[in-house]
Amino acid sequence: MISGKKILILSDSVALARDTPETCSFENTWPYLLREKGYMVHQVSIGGATSTDLLNQINYHTGFNPDILILNVGIVDCAPRFMTKTELGIMKRIPFIGNKIIGLMNNNKVRQVRKISYVSIGQFEKNIRAIINYFKGIQILILGIVPATIEYEKLLPGITENINKYNKVLNNYGHFMPIDEIEQDALMSDHHHLNAKGQKYIFEVINNNVMKIMIK
């Protein structure tokens, strides 16, 4: 029986409703649509979360005892950065000087030279493996990172390559669900968050895959 299955969602902000840069209501999000389908959903979605952040939250949610885990993470991990999180933290402690330094470094030339991501690909793989090891014996579905548009690559050079690399890691674990066929008009103007059309597309991908694995 599909209806009533317990689903735990671990995700960044891609699964959340939002008002910027455009609006996507709570009722249009794919976790809400899964609830409407009859699944019992426990959603742990954190804006700006990396795989490290989600891993650190797991102990609070294993007691839900899900039948299915849906993991949706990676864009925050892999995006090219001009500073590490630690460096940014230091700059924020000295706001007068720090803000000037951030302003000088926040450009694509610095990103291309430094080649920094918040989570290295090696650490990303360790995190994904660790998350999965918490949930042995259940079905694990992993959403691919939303592919970069041409415009996104222009804004953030290197994002396409990074997304492809991190998606290859995700493809090695659980039941991987690529979303390469998502249409550009399913994305908001920031090129990685989903509008209502994108949320519905993700819901359909997930629902179809859940039905496939549960009837085996």
N, C-alpha and C. Protein backbone atom coordinates (compact mmCIF):
# COMPACT_ATOMS: atom_id res chain seq x y z
N MET A 1 0.84 -1.19 0.00
CA MET A 1 0.00 0.00 0.00
C MET A 1 0.88 1.24 0.00
N ILE A 2 0.67 2.14 -0.97
CA ILE A 2 1.49 3.34 -1.08
C ILE A 2 1.06 4.39 -0.07
N SER A 3 -0.24 4.65 0.01
CA SER A 3 -0.76 5.67 0.92
C SER A 3 -0.43 5.31 2.36
N GLY A 4 0.00 6.31 3.14
CA GLY A 4 0.32 6.09 4.53
C GLY A 4 1.78 5.78 4.79
N LYS A 5 2.57 5.55 3.76
CA LYS A 5 3.99 5.31 3.93
C LYS A 5 4.64 6.55 4.55
N LYS A 6 5.58 6.30 5.45
CA LYS A 6 6.24 7.40 6.16
C LYS A 6 7.48 7.84 5.38
N ILE A 7 7.50 9.11 5.01
CA ILE A 7 8.60 9.67 4.23
C ILE A 7 9.32 10.75 5.05
N LEU A 8 10.63 10.60 5.18
CA LEU A 8 11.46 11.64 5.78
C LEU A 8 12.17 12.39 4.66
N ILE A 9 12.01 13.71 4.64
CA ILE A 9 12.67 14.56 3.66
C ILE A 9 13.81 15.31 4.35
N LEU A 10 15.01 15.17 3.82
CA LEU A 10 16.16 15.98 4.24
C LEU A 10 16.56 16.84 3.06
N SER A 11 16.47 18.15 3.20
CA SER A 11 16.73 19.00 2.04
C SER A 11 17.22 20.38 2.43
N ASP A 12 17.73 21.08 1.42
CA ASP A 12 18.02 22.50 1.55
C ASP A 12 16.75 23.28 1.18
N SER A 13 16.88 24.52 0.78
CA SER A 13 15.70 25.37 0.55
C SER A 13 14.94 25.04 -0.72
N VAL A 14 15.48 24.16 -1.57
CA VAL A 14 14.80 23.85 -2.84
C VAL A 14 13.40 23.29 -2.60
N ALA A 15 13.19 22.64 -1.46
CA ALA A 15 11.88 22.04 -1.16
C ALA A 15 10.94 22.98 -0.42
N LEU A 16 11.39 24.20 -0.16
CA LEU A 16 10.61 25.13 0.65
C LEU A 16 9.81 26.13 -0.18
N ALA A 17 8.72 26.62 0.42
CA ALA A 17 8.01 27.77 -0.15
C ALA A 17 8.90 29.00 0.00
N ARG A 18 8.68 30.01 -0.86
CA ARG A 18 9.49 31.22 -0.75
C ARG A 18 8.80 32.40 -1.42
N ASP A 19 9.24 33.59 -1.06
CA ASP A 19 8.68 34.81 -1.63
C ASP A 19 9.65 35.55 -2.54
N THR A 20 10.91 35.13 -2.54
CA THR A 20 11.90 35.79 -3.39
C THR A 20 12.75 34.74 -4.10
N PRO A 21 13.22 35.00 -5.31
CA PRO A 21 12.96 36.20 -6.12
C PRO A 21 11.55 36.25 -6.70
N GLU A 22 10.86 35.11 -6.70
CA GLU A 22 9.44 35.07 -7.04
C GLU A 22 8.73 34.27 -5.95
N THR A 23 7.42 34.16 -6.08
CA THR A 23 6.64 33.48 -5.04
C THR A 23 6.30 32.05 -5.44
N CYS A 24 6.51 31.14 -4.49
CA CYS A 24 5.99 29.78 -4.60
C CYS A 24 5.35 29.45 -3.26
N SER A 25 4.05 29.22 -3.26
CA SER A 25 3.32 29.02 -2.01
C SER A 25 3.60 27.64 -1.42
N PHE A 26 3.34 27.51 -0.14
CA PHE A 26 3.50 26.24 0.56
C PHE A 26 2.69 25.14 -0.11
N GLU A 27 1.49 25.48 -0.55
CA GLU A 27 0.59 24.48 -1.16
C GLU A 27 1.10 23.99 -2.51
N ASN A 28 2.09 24.67 -3.07
CA ASN A 28 2.66 24.25 -4.36
C ASN A 28 3.95 23.46 -4.22
N THR A 29 4.47 23.32 -3.00
CA THR A 29 5.74 22.63 -2.84
C THR A 29 5.57 21.12 -2.96
N TRP A 30 6.64 20.46 -3.39
CA TRP A 30 6.52 19.01 -3.60
C TRP A 30 6.31 18.24 -2.29
N PRO A 31 6.85 18.66 -1.13
CA PRO A 31 6.49 17.94 0.10
C PRO A 31 5.00 18.03 0.42
N TYR A 32 4.40 19.20 0.20
CA TYR A 32 2.96 19.35 0.43
C TYR A 32 2.18 18.44 -0.51
N LEU A 33 2.59 18.38 -1.76
CA LEU A 33 1.89 17.54 -2.74
C LEU A 33 1.99 16.07 -2.38
N LEU A 34 3.12 15.66 -1.79
CA LEU A 34 3.25 14.28 -1.32
C LEU A 34 2.28 14.01 -0.17
N ARG A 35 2.12 14.97 0.72
CA ARG A 35 1.15 14.80 1.81
C ARG A 35 -0.26 14.66 1.25
N GLU A 36 -0.57 15.48 0.26
CA GLU A 36 -1.89 15.42 -0.35
C GLU A 36 -2.14 14.07 -1.02
N LYS A 37 -1.07 13.41 -1.43
CA LYS A 37 -1.18 12.10 -2.07
C LYS A 37 -1.44 11.00 -1.04
N GLY A 38 -1.26 11.31 0.23
CA GLY A 38 -1.55 10.34 1.27
C GLY A 38 -0.35 9.84 2.04
N TYR A 39 0.84 10.31 1.69
CA TYR A 39 2.03 9.92 2.44
C TYR A 39 2.10 10.67 3.77
N MET A 40 2.68 10.04 4.78
CA MET A 40 2.96 10.72 6.04
C MET A 40 4.37 11.32 5.93
N VAL A 41 4.45 12.63 5.86
CA VAL A 41 5.71 13.30 5.53
C VAL A 41 6.25 14.07 6.74
N HIS A 42 7.51 13.80 7.05
CA HIS A 42 8.24 14.61 8.04
C HIS A 42 9.32 15.35 7.27
N GLN A 43 9.17 16.67 7.18
CA GLN A 43 10.05 17.48 6.34
C GLN A 43 11.08 18.23 7.17
N VAL A 44 12.35 17.98 6.87
CA VAL A 44 13.46 18.72 7.48
C VAL A 44 14.18 19.46 6.36
N SER A 45 13.76 20.68 6.11
CA SER A 45 14.32 21.50 5.03
C SER A 45 14.91 22.76 5.64
N ILE A 46 16.19 23.01 5.37
CA ILE A 46 16.90 24.13 5.98
C ILE A 46 17.48 25.01 4.88
N GLY A 47 17.09 26.27 4.87
CA GLY A 47 17.62 27.19 3.88
C GLY A 47 19.13 27.33 4.03
N GLY A 48 19.84 27.22 2.91
CA GLY A 48 21.30 27.36 2.94
C GLY A 48 22.04 26.16 3.47
N ALA A 49 21.35 25.02 3.64
CA ALA A 49 21.98 23.84 4.24
C ALA A 49 22.89 23.12 3.27
N THR A 50 24.03 22.71 3.78
CA THR A 50 24.92 21.80 3.06
C THR A 50 24.65 20.38 3.55
N SER A 51 25.30 19.42 2.92
CA SER A 51 25.19 18.04 3.38
C SER A 51 25.72 17.90 4.81
N THR A 52 26.72 18.70 5.16
CA THR A 52 27.25 18.69 6.53
C THR A 52 26.18 19.12 7.53
N ASP A 53 25.46 20.17 7.18
CA ASP A 53 24.39 20.67 8.06
C ASP A 53 23.30 19.62 8.26
N LEU A 54 22.89 18.96 7.17
CA LEU A 54 21.84 17.95 7.28
C LEU A 54 22.32 16.75 8.09
N LEU A 55 23.57 16.35 7.87
CA LEU A 55 24.13 15.24 8.64
C LEU A 55 24.10 15.54 10.14
N ASN A 56 24.38 16.78 10.50
CA ASN A 56 24.39 17.17 11.91
C ASN A 56 23.00 17.19 12.54
N GLN A 57 21.95 17.15 11.72
CA GLN A 57 20.58 17.19 12.23
C GLN A 57 19.94 15.81 12.37
N ILE A 58 20.59 14.79 11.83
CA ILE A 58 19.93 13.49 11.68
C ILE A 58 19.48 12.88 13.01
N ASN A 59 20.30 13.00 14.04
CA ASN A 59 19.94 12.37 15.32
C ASN A 59 18.59 12.83 15.86
N TYR A 60 18.15 14.02 15.45
CA TYR A 60 16.87 14.55 15.92
C TYR A 60 15.67 13.93 15.19
N HIS A 61 15.93 13.19 14.11
CA HIS A 61 14.82 12.78 13.25
C HIS A 61 14.77 11.28 12.94
N THR A 62 15.75 10.52 13.39
CA THR A 62 15.71 9.07 13.13
C THR A 62 14.54 8.41 13.84
N GLY A 63 14.06 9.01 14.93
CA GLY A 63 12.94 8.44 15.67
C GLY A 63 11.63 8.45 14.91
N PHE A 64 11.60 9.15 13.80
CA PHE A 64 10.41 9.12 12.94
C PHE A 64 10.22 7.74 12.31
N ASN A 65 11.32 6.98 12.22
CA ASN A 65 11.30 5.62 11.65
C ASN A 65 10.63 5.58 10.28
N PRO A 66 11.21 6.28 9.31
CA PRO A 66 10.58 6.37 7.99
C PRO A 66 10.66 5.06 7.21
N ASP A 67 9.73 4.90 6.30
CA ASP A 67 9.83 3.83 5.31
C ASP A 67 10.73 4.24 4.15
N ILE A 68 10.75 5.55 3.90
CA ILE A 68 11.48 6.10 2.76
C ILE A 68 12.20 7.37 3.19
N LEU A 69 13.45 7.51 2.76
CA LEU A 69 14.19 8.76 2.93
C LEU A 69 14.34 9.41 1.56
N ILE A 70 14.00 10.70 1.48
CA ILE A 70 14.25 11.47 0.26
C ILE A 70 15.29 12.52 0.60
N LEU A 71 16.42 12.45 -0.09
CA LEU A 71 17.52 13.38 0.14
C LEU A 71 17.64 14.35 -1.03
N ASN A 72 17.63 15.64 -0.71
CA ASN A 72 17.66 16.69 -1.74
C ASN A 72 18.67 17.75 -1.29
N VAL A 73 19.92 17.58 -1.71
CA VAL A 73 20.99 18.46 -1.24
C VAL A 73 22.10 18.51 -2.28
N GLY A 74 22.91 19.57 -2.22
CA GLY A 74 24.08 19.61 -3.10
C GLY A 74 24.42 20.95 -3.70
N ILE A 75 23.41 21.77 -4.01
CA ILE A 75 23.70 23.03 -4.69
C ILE A 75 24.49 23.97 -3.79
N VAL A 76 24.17 24.00 -2.50
CA VAL A 76 24.91 24.87 -1.56
C VAL A 76 26.32 24.33 -1.37
N ASP A 77 26.46 23.02 -1.36
CA ASP A 77 27.78 22.38 -1.21
C ASP A 77 28.71 22.74 -2.36
N CYS A 78 28.20 22.68 -3.59
CA CYS A 78 29.07 22.68 -4.76
C CYS A 78 29.28 24.03 -5.43
N ALA A 79 28.45 25.02 -5.15
CA ALA A 79 28.54 26.30 -5.85
C ALA A 79 29.91 26.95 -5.63
N PRO A 80 30.52 27.50 -6.69
CA PRO A 80 31.80 28.20 -6.54
C PRO A 80 31.68 29.39 -5.59
N ARG A 81 32.65 29.53 -4.70
CA ARG A 81 32.63 30.59 -3.68
C ARG A 81 33.92 31.41 -3.74
N PHE A 82 33.85 32.62 -3.22
CA PHE A 82 35.05 33.45 -3.13
C PHE A 82 35.73 33.33 -1.77
N MET A 83 35.01 32.81 -0.79
CA MET A 83 35.56 32.56 0.54
C MET A 83 34.97 31.27 1.11
N THR A 84 35.70 30.68 2.04
CA THR A 84 35.15 29.55 2.78
C THR A 84 34.18 30.08 3.84
N LYS A 85 33.38 29.18 4.41
CA LYS A 85 32.48 29.58 5.49
C LYS A 85 33.25 30.12 6.69
N THR A 86 34.39 29.51 6.98
CA THR A 86 35.21 29.97 8.10
C THR A 86 35.71 31.38 7.86
N GLU A 87 36.19 31.64 6.65
CA GLU A 87 36.69 32.98 6.32
C GLU A 87 35.58 34.02 6.41
N LEU A 88 34.40 33.66 5.92
CA LEU A 88 33.27 34.59 6.01
C LEU A 88 32.91 34.89 7.46
N GLY A 89 32.97 33.86 8.29
CA GLY A 89 32.68 34.05 9.71
C GLY A 89 33.65 35.03 10.36
N ILE A 90 34.92 34.91 9.99
CA ILE A 90 35.93 35.83 10.53
C ILE A 90 35.66 37.25 10.06
N MET A 91 35.33 37.41 8.78
CA MET A 91 35.06 38.74 8.24
C MET A 91 33.87 39.40 8.94
N LYS A 92 32.88 38.60 9.30
CA LYS A 92 31.69 39.15 9.94
C LYS A 92 31.96 39.58 11.39
N ARG A 93 33.04 39.07 11.96
CA ARG A 93 33.40 39.48 13.31
C ARG A 93 34.10 40.83 13.33
N ILE A 94 34.59 41.24 12.17
CA ILE A 94 35.23 42.55 12.04
C ILE A 94 34.52 43.32 10.92
N PRO A 95 33.26 43.69 11.14
CA PRO A 95 32.39 44.17 10.06
C PRO A 95 32.93 45.36 9.27
N PHE A 96 33.57 46.32 9.91
CA PHE A 96 34.02 47.50 9.17
C PHE A 96 35.06 47.12 8.11
N ILE A 97 36.09 46.40 8.53
CA ILE A 97 37.12 45.96 7.58
C ILE A 97 36.62 44.76 6.78
N GLY A 98 35.93 43.85 7.47
CA GLY A 98 35.47 42.63 6.82
C GLY A 98 34.56 42.88 5.64
N ASN A 99 33.64 43.83 5.77
CA ASN A 99 32.72 44.13 4.67
C ASN A 99 33.46 44.67 3.45
N LYS A 100 34.52 45.43 3.70
CA LYS A 100 35.33 45.95 2.58
C LYS A 100 36.06 44.83 1.87
N ILE A 101 36.60 43.90 2.66
CA ILE A 101 37.31 42.76 2.06
C ILE A 101 36.34 41.88 1.27
N ILE A 102 35.17 41.64 1.85
CA ILE A 102 34.15 40.85 1.15
C ILE A 102 33.77 41.51 -0.17
N GLY A 103 33.58 42.83 -0.13
CA GLY A 103 33.22 43.56 -1.34
C GLY A 103 34.28 43.45 -2.42
N LEU A 104 35.55 43.44 -2.03
CA LEU A 104 36.64 43.33 -2.99
C LEU A 104 36.76 41.92 -3.57
N MET A 105 36.47 40.92 -2.75
CA MET A 105 36.67 39.53 -3.17
C MET A 105 35.46 38.89 -3.82
N ASN A 106 34.29 39.48 -3.65
CA ASN A 106 33.06 38.89 -4.16
C ASN A 106 32.92 39.13 -5.66
N ASN A 107 33.71 38.38 -6.43
CA ASN A 107 33.63 38.47 -7.89
C ASN A 107 34.10 37.16 -8.51
N ASN A 108 33.76 36.96 -9.77
CA ASN A 108 34.02 35.68 -10.41
C ASN A 108 35.50 35.42 -10.65
N LYS A 109 36.31 36.46 -10.81
CA LYS A 109 37.75 36.25 -10.99
C LYS A 109 38.35 35.58 -9.77
N VAL A 110 37.95 36.05 -8.59
CA VAL A 110 38.44 35.44 -7.35
C VAL A 110 37.93 34.00 -7.24
N ARG A 111 36.66 33.77 -7.57
CA ARG A 111 36.10 32.41 -7.51
C ARG A 111 36.88 31.46 -8.42
N GLN A 112 37.20 31.92 -9.62
CA GLN A 112 37.89 31.06 -10.57
C GLN A 112 39.31 30.75 -10.13
N VAL A 113 39.96 31.70 -9.46
CA VAL A 113 41.32 31.48 -8.98
C VAL A 113 41.32 30.57 -7.75
N ARG A 114 40.41 30.82 -6.81
CA ARG A 114 40.43 30.09 -5.54
C ARG A 114 39.80 28.70 -5.65
N LYS A 115 38.82 28.54 -6.56
CA LYS A 115 38.17 27.23 -6.77
C LYS A 115 37.68 26.63 -5.45
N ILE A 116 36.92 27.43 -4.71
CA ILE A 116 36.41 27.02 -3.41
C ILE A 116 34.93 26.64 -3.50
N SER A 117 34.57 25.58 -2.81
CA SER A 117 33.16 25.25 -2.54
C SER A 117 33.03 25.08 -1.04
N TYR A 118 31.83 25.29 -0.51
CA TYR A 118 31.64 25.14 0.93
C TYR A 118 31.97 23.73 1.41
N VAL A 119 31.67 22.74 0.57
CA VAL A 119 31.96 21.35 0.92
C VAL A 119 32.71 20.71 -0.24
N SER A 120 33.92 20.25 0.00
CA SER A 120 34.70 19.62 -1.06
C SER A 120 33.99 18.37 -1.55
N ILE A 121 34.32 17.95 -2.75
CA ILE A 121 33.63 16.78 -3.30
C ILE A 121 33.95 15.52 -2.47
N GLY A 122 35.16 15.45 -1.93
CA GLY A 122 35.50 14.32 -1.08
C GLY A 122 34.68 14.29 0.20
N GLN A 123 34.54 15.45 0.84
CA GLN A 123 33.74 15.54 2.06
C GLN A 123 32.27 15.33 1.76
N PHE A 124 31.82 15.81 0.60
CA PHE A 124 30.44 15.62 0.19
C PHE A 124 30.11 14.13 0.11
N GLU A 125 31.00 13.36 -0.50
CA GLU A 125 30.76 11.92 -0.60
C GLU A 125 30.73 11.27 0.78
N LYS A 126 31.63 11.68 1.65
CA LYS A 126 31.63 11.14 3.02
C LYS A 126 30.32 11.46 3.73
N ASN A 127 29.83 12.67 3.54
CA ASN A 127 28.57 13.08 4.19
C ASN A 127 27.39 12.27 3.68
N ILE A 128 27.32 12.08 2.36
CA ILE A 128 26.21 11.32 1.77
C ILE A 128 26.24 9.88 2.28
N ARG A 129 27.44 9.31 2.31
CA ARG A 129 27.58 7.93 2.80
C ARG A 129 27.15 7.84 4.27
N ALA A 130 27.54 8.83 5.06
CA ALA A 130 27.19 8.82 6.48
C ALA A 130 25.69 8.96 6.69
N ILE A 131 25.06 9.83 5.91
CA ILE A 131 23.60 9.99 6.01
C ILE A 131 22.90 8.68 5.70
N ILE A 132 23.32 8.03 4.64
CA ILE A 132 22.69 6.78 4.22
C ILE A 132 22.89 5.69 5.27
N ASN A 133 24.06 5.68 5.90
CA ASN A 133 24.34 4.66 6.91
C ASN A 133 23.43 4.77 8.13
N TYR A 134 22.85 5.93 8.34
CA TYR A 134 21.89 6.10 9.44
C TYR A 134 20.56 5.40 9.15
N PHE A 135 20.31 5.11 7.89
CA PHE A 135 18.98 4.63 7.50
C PHE A 135 19.06 3.30 6.76
N LYS A 136 19.75 2.36 7.34
CA LYS A 136 19.87 1.04 6.73
C LYS A 136 18.53 0.31 6.79
N GLY A 137 18.22 -0.40 5.72
CA GLY A 137 17.01 -1.21 5.70
C GLY A 137 15.77 -0.50 5.20
N ILE A 138 15.91 0.77 4.78
CA ILE A 138 14.76 1.47 4.21
C ILE A 138 15.09 1.90 2.78
N GLN A 139 14.07 2.32 2.06
CA GLN A 139 14.27 2.81 0.69
C GLN A 139 14.81 4.24 0.74
N ILE A 140 15.85 4.50 -0.04
CA ILE A 140 16.47 5.82 -0.07
C ILE A 140 16.43 6.37 -1.48
N LEU A 141 15.76 7.50 -1.63
CA LEU A 141 15.66 8.17 -2.92
C LEU A 141 16.47 9.46 -2.86
N ILE A 142 17.31 9.68 -3.86
CA ILE A 142 18.17 10.86 -3.88
C ILE A 142 17.88 11.68 -5.13
N LEU A 143 17.48 12.93 -4.92
CA LEU A 143 17.22 13.83 -6.04
C LEU A 143 18.52 14.41 -6.56
N GLY A 144 18.63 14.46 -7.88
CA GLY A 144 19.77 15.14 -8.47
C GLY A 144 19.70 16.64 -8.23
N ILE A 145 20.86 17.29 -8.31
CA ILE A 145 20.92 18.75 -8.22
C ILE A 145 20.35 19.32 -9.51
N VAL A 146 19.57 20.38 -9.40
CA VAL A 146 18.98 21.02 -10.58
C VAL A 146 20.09 21.42 -11.54
N PRO A 147 20.03 21.01 -12.81
CA PRO A 147 21.09 21.36 -13.76
C PRO A 147 21.18 22.86 -13.98
N ALA A 148 22.38 23.34 -14.25
CA ALA A 148 22.60 24.78 -14.45
C ALA A 148 22.12 25.21 -15.83
N THR A 149 21.46 26.35 -15.87
CA THR A 149 21.09 26.95 -17.15
C THR A 149 22.29 27.69 -17.73
N ILE A 150 22.20 28.06 -18.99
CA ILE A 150 23.27 28.84 -19.62
C ILE A 150 23.46 30.15 -18.88
N GLU A 151 22.34 30.77 -18.49
CA GLU A 151 22.41 32.05 -17.77
C GLU A 151 23.07 31.89 -16.40
N TYR A 152 22.80 30.78 -15.74
CA TYR A 152 23.41 30.54 -14.42
C TYR A 152 24.92 30.39 -14.56
N GLU A 153 25.36 29.69 -15.59
CA GLU A 153 26.79 29.52 -15.83
C GLU A 153 27.46 30.86 -16.10
N LYS A 154 26.78 31.74 -16.80
CA LYS A 154 27.34 33.07 -17.06
C LYS A 154 27.48 33.87 -15.76
N LEU A 155 26.49 33.74 -14.88
CA LEU A 155 26.53 34.45 -13.61
C LEU A 155 27.56 33.86 -12.65
N LEU A 156 27.72 32.53 -12.71
CA LEU A 156 28.57 31.83 -11.76
C LEU A 156 29.41 30.79 -12.52
N PRO A 157 30.45 31.24 -13.20
CA PRO A 157 31.27 30.33 -14.00
C PRO A 157 31.79 29.15 -13.18
N GLY A 158 31.65 27.96 -13.75
CA GLY A 158 32.08 26.74 -13.06
C GLY A 158 30.96 25.98 -12.39
N ILE A 159 29.78 26.59 -12.29
CA ILE A 159 28.68 25.93 -11.60
C ILE A 159 28.22 24.67 -12.34
N THR A 160 28.24 24.71 -13.67
CA THR A 160 27.81 23.54 -14.45
C THR A 160 28.70 22.34 -14.18
N GLU A 161 30.00 22.56 -14.24
CA GLU A 161 30.96 21.48 -13.99
C GLU A 161 30.81 20.93 -12.57
N ASN A 162 30.66 21.83 -11.61
CA ASN A 162 30.53 21.38 -10.22
C ASN A 162 29.26 20.57 -10.00
N ILE A 163 28.15 21.04 -10.57
CA ILE A 163 26.90 20.29 -10.43
C ILE A 163 27.04 18.89 -11.01
N ASN A 164 27.66 18.79 -12.18
CA ASN A 164 27.85 17.48 -12.81
C ASN A 164 28.69 16.55 -11.94
N LYS A 165 29.76 17.09 -11.34
CA LYS A 165 30.63 16.28 -10.49
C LYS A 165 29.90 15.80 -9.24
N TYR A 166 29.17 16.69 -8.61
CA TYR A 166 28.48 16.32 -7.37
C TYR A 166 27.29 15.40 -7.66
N ASN A 167 26.66 15.56 -8.80
CA ASN A 167 25.59 14.63 -9.19
C ASN A 167 26.13 13.22 -9.42
N LYS A 168 27.37 13.12 -9.92
CA LYS A 168 27.97 11.80 -10.10
C LYS A 168 28.16 11.10 -8.76
N VAL A 169 28.49 11.87 -7.74
CA VAL A 169 28.59 11.30 -6.39
C VAL A 169 27.22 10.80 -5.93
N LEU A 170 26.20 11.65 -6.07
CA LEU A 170 24.85 11.25 -5.65
C LEU A 170 24.38 10.01 -6.38
N ASN A 171 24.77 9.87 -7.63
CA ASN A 171 24.35 8.74 -8.46
C ASN A 171 24.89 7.41 -7.95
N ASN A 172 25.90 7.47 -7.08
CA ASN A 172 26.49 6.24 -6.55
C ASN A 172 25.76 5.70 -5.33
N TYR A 173 24.74 6.43 -4.87
CA TYR A 173 24.10 6.05 -3.61
C TYR A 173 22.58 6.03 -3.76
N GLY A 174 21.96 5.09 -3.06
CA GLY A 174 20.50 5.03 -3.03
C GLY A 174 19.89 4.87 -4.42
N HIS A 175 18.65 5.28 -4.54
CA HIS A 175 17.92 5.26 -5.81
C HIS A 175 17.98 6.69 -6.36
N PHE A 176 18.89 6.92 -7.30
CA PHE A 176 19.15 8.27 -7.81
C PHE A 176 18.07 8.68 -8.81
N MET A 177 17.59 9.91 -8.63
CA MET A 177 16.55 10.44 -9.51
C MET A 177 17.07 11.69 -10.21
N PRO A 178 17.62 11.55 -11.42
CA PRO A 178 18.09 12.74 -12.14
C PRO A 178 16.92 13.62 -12.55
N ILE A 179 17.15 14.92 -12.59
CA ILE A 179 16.09 15.84 -13.00
C ILE A 179 16.59 16.71 -14.16
N ASP A 180 17.37 16.09 -15.03
CA ASP A 180 17.96 16.81 -16.16
C ASP A 180 16.93 17.34 -17.15
N GLU A 181 15.74 16.75 -17.14
CA GLU A 181 14.73 17.16 -18.12
C GLU A 181 13.85 18.31 -17.63
N ILE A 182 14.15 18.86 -16.47
CA ILE A 182 13.36 19.99 -15.98
C ILE A 182 13.50 21.17 -16.94
N GLU A 183 12.40 21.83 -17.22
CA GLU A 183 12.43 22.93 -18.18
C GLU A 183 12.84 24.23 -17.50
N GLN A 184 13.43 25.12 -18.29
CA GLN A 184 13.95 26.37 -17.74
C GLN A 184 12.85 27.22 -17.11
N ASP A 185 11.64 27.15 -17.67
CA ASP A 185 10.55 27.96 -17.11
C ASP A 185 9.96 27.36 -15.84
N ALA A 186 10.57 26.26 -15.36
CA ALA A 186 10.18 25.68 -14.07
C ALA A 186 11.04 26.22 -12.93
N LEU A 187 12.00 27.10 -13.30
CA LEU A 187 12.92 27.67 -12.32
C LEU A 187 12.62 29.14 -12.10
N MET A 188 12.95 29.61 -10.90
CA MET A 188 12.85 31.04 -10.63
C MET A 188 14.00 31.78 -11.31
N SER A 189 13.98 33.08 -11.23
CA SER A 189 14.98 33.89 -11.94
C SER A 189 16.38 33.78 -11.34
N ASP A 190 16.51 33.14 -10.16
CA ASP A 190 17.84 32.91 -9.60
C ASP A 190 18.47 31.64 -10.16
N HIS A 191 17.72 30.91 -11.00
CA HIS A 191 18.21 29.76 -11.77
C HIS A 191 18.38 28.47 -10.97
N HIS A 192 18.02 28.44 -9.69
CA HIS A 192 18.13 27.16 -8.98
C HIS A 192 16.97 26.87 -8.04
N HIS A 193 16.19 27.86 -7.66
CA HIS A 193 14.98 27.57 -6.89
C HIS A 193 13.81 27.28 -7.83
N LEU A 194 12.83 26.55 -7.32
CA LEU A 194 11.73 26.07 -8.15
C LEU A 194 10.49 26.93 -8.00
N ASN A 195 9.84 27.21 -9.13
CA ASN A 195 8.51 27.82 -9.06
C ASN A 195 7.48 26.70 -8.96
N ALA A 196 6.20 27.05 -9.04
CA ALA A 196 5.14 26.04 -8.88
C ALA A 196 5.26 24.93 -9.92
N LYS A 197 5.61 25.30 -11.15
CA LYS A 197 5.77 24.28 -12.20
C LYS A 197 6.91 23.33 -11.86
N GLY A 198 8.01 23.89 -11.37
CA GLY A 198 9.15 23.06 -11.00
C GLY A 198 8.85 22.16 -9.82
N GLN A 199 8.13 22.68 -8.83
CA GLN A 199 7.75 21.86 -7.68
C GLN A 199 6.87 20.69 -8.11
N LYS A 200 5.94 20.94 -9.01
CA LYS A 200 5.05 19.87 -9.50
C LYS A 200 5.85 18.82 -10.26
N TYR A 201 6.82 19.28 -11.04
CA TYR A 201 7.67 18.35 -11.78
C TYR A 201 8.43 17.43 -10.81
N ILE A 202 9.01 18.01 -9.77
CA ILE A 202 9.75 17.21 -8.79
C ILE A 202 8.81 16.24 -8.07
N PHE A 203 7.62 16.71 -7.71
CA PHE A 203 6.63 15.82 -7.08
C PHE A 203 6.35 14.62 -7.97
N GLU A 204 6.14 14.85 -9.26
CA GLU A 204 5.82 13.75 -10.18
C GLU A 204 6.98 12.77 -10.30
N VAL A 205 8.21 13.29 -10.36
CA VAL A 205 9.39 12.43 -10.41
C VAL A 205 9.46 11.55 -9.16
N ILE A 206 9.28 12.18 -8.00
CA ILE A 206 9.37 11.43 -6.74
C ILE A 206 8.22 10.43 -6.62
N ASN A 207 7.02 10.86 -6.86
CA ASN A 207 5.86 9.98 -6.72
C ASN A 207 5.97 8.77 -7.64
N ASN A 208 6.40 8.98 -8.87
CA ASN A 208 6.57 7.87 -9.81
C ASN A 208 7.63 6.89 -9.32
N ASN A 209 8.73 7.42 -8.78
CA ASN A 209 9.80 6.55 -8.30
C ASN A 209 9.41 5.83 -7.02
N VAL A 210 8.67 6.49 -6.15
CA VAL A 210 8.20 5.83 -4.93
C VAL A 210 7.30 4.65 -5.29
N MET A 211 6.40 4.87 -6.22
CA MET A 211 5.49 3.78 -6.62
C MET A 211 6.26 2.61 -7.22
N LYS A 212 7.31 2.91 -7.99
CA LYS A 212 8.11 1.85 -8.61
C LYS A 212 8.81 1.00 -7.56
N ILE A 213 9.43 1.66 -6.58
CA ILE A 213 10.20 0.88 -5.61
C ILE A 213 9.31 0.17 -4.59
N MET A 214 8.13 0.71 -4.33
CA MET A 214 7.27 0.11 -3.31
C MET A 214 6.47 -1.08 -3.83
N ILE A 215 6.35 -1.20 -5.14
CA ILE A 215 5.58 -2.33 -5.68
C ILE A 215 6.46 -3.47 -6.12
N LYS A 216 7.78 -3.32 -5.92
CA LYS A 216 8.69 -4.40 -6.30
C LYS A 216 8.50 -5.60 -5.37
